[in-house]
Amino acid sequence: MKEEAKAYVDDPTIEDILTYAMFPKVAPGFFEKQRDKKVGVDAVHADKTNKIHPV
């Protein structure tokens, strides 16, 4: 599970691993939102095709 969680979190904590283990379909979206909030990216308005986002 730890290796699978590493695909979504750089340094997964035990909570991240348990979250992924309990909710494997929901966890990737949660981790993505958590990462975006941490780095200050507005993922809701991002253009993933052209890889741009508002700041």
Protein backbone atom coordinates (compact mmCIF):
# COMPACT_ATOMS: atom_id res chain seq x y z
CA MET A 1 0.00 0.00 0.00
CA LYS A 2 2.83 2.41 0.77
CA GLU A 3 4.22 2.16 -2.76
CA GLU A 4 0.77 2.77 -4.26
CA ALA A 5 0.23 5.80 -2.02
CA LYS A 6 3.62 7.19 -3.12
CA ALA A 7 2.14 7.63 -6.59
CA TYR A 8 -0.04 10.40 -5.16
CA VAL A 9 1.92 11.68 -2.13
CA ASP A 10 5.66 12.41 -2.12
CA ASP A 11 6.31 11.25 1.46
CA PRO A 12 3.18 9.42 2.64
CA THR A 13 2.40 9.35 6.34
CA ILE A 14 0.69 6.42 8.00
CA GLU A 15 -2.57 8.39 7.73
CA ASP A 16 -2.07 8.75 3.96
CA ILE A 17 -1.43 5.03 3.59
CA LEU A 18 -4.50 4.14 5.65
CA THR A 19 -6.62 6.61 3.70
CA TYR A 20 -5.51 5.01 0.44
CA ALA A 21 -6.09 1.51 1.85
CA MET A 22 -9.62 2.30 3.03
CA PHE A 23 -10.71 4.49 0.10
CA PRO A 24 -8.68 3.55 -3.00
CA LYS A 25 -11.10 5.20 -5.43
CA VAL A 26 -11.54 8.46 -3.51
CA ALA A 27 -8.04 8.91 -2.09
CA PRO A 28 -6.29 9.99 -5.34
CA GLY A 29 -8.67 12.94 -5.74
CA PHE A 30 -8.25 13.85 -2.08
CA PHE A 31 -4.46 13.72 -2.34
CA GLU A 32 -4.52 15.85 -5.48
CA LYS A 33 -6.64 18.52 -3.80
CA GLN A 34 -4.44 18.39 -0.71
CA ARG A 35 -1.30 18.86 -2.84
CA ASP A 36 -2.85 21.69 -4.86
CA LYS A 37 -3.84 23.53 -1.70
CA LYS A 38 -0.35 23.05 -0.26
CA VAL A 39 1.40 24.52 -3.33
CA GLY A 40 -1.23 27.20 -4.00
CA VAL A 41 -2.66 25.92 -7.28
CA ASP A 42 -6.27 26.59 -8.24
CA ALA A 43 -6.97 23.16 -9.72
CA VAL A 44 -10.65 23.91 -10.27
CA HIS A 45 -9.76 26.48 -12.95
CA ALA A 46 -6.64 24.76 -14.26
CA ASP A 47 -6.30 23.74 -17.88
CA LYS A 48 -4.76 20.27 -17.64
CA THR A 49 -4.55 19.86 -21.40
CA ASN A 50 -2.27 22.88 -21.82
CA LYS A 51 -0.78 22.49 -18.32
CA ILE A 52 -1.57 26.02 -17.15
CA HIS A 53 -3.34 27.34 -14.07
CA PRO A 54 -4.26 30.72 -12.61
CA VAL A 55 -2.30 32.06 -9.68
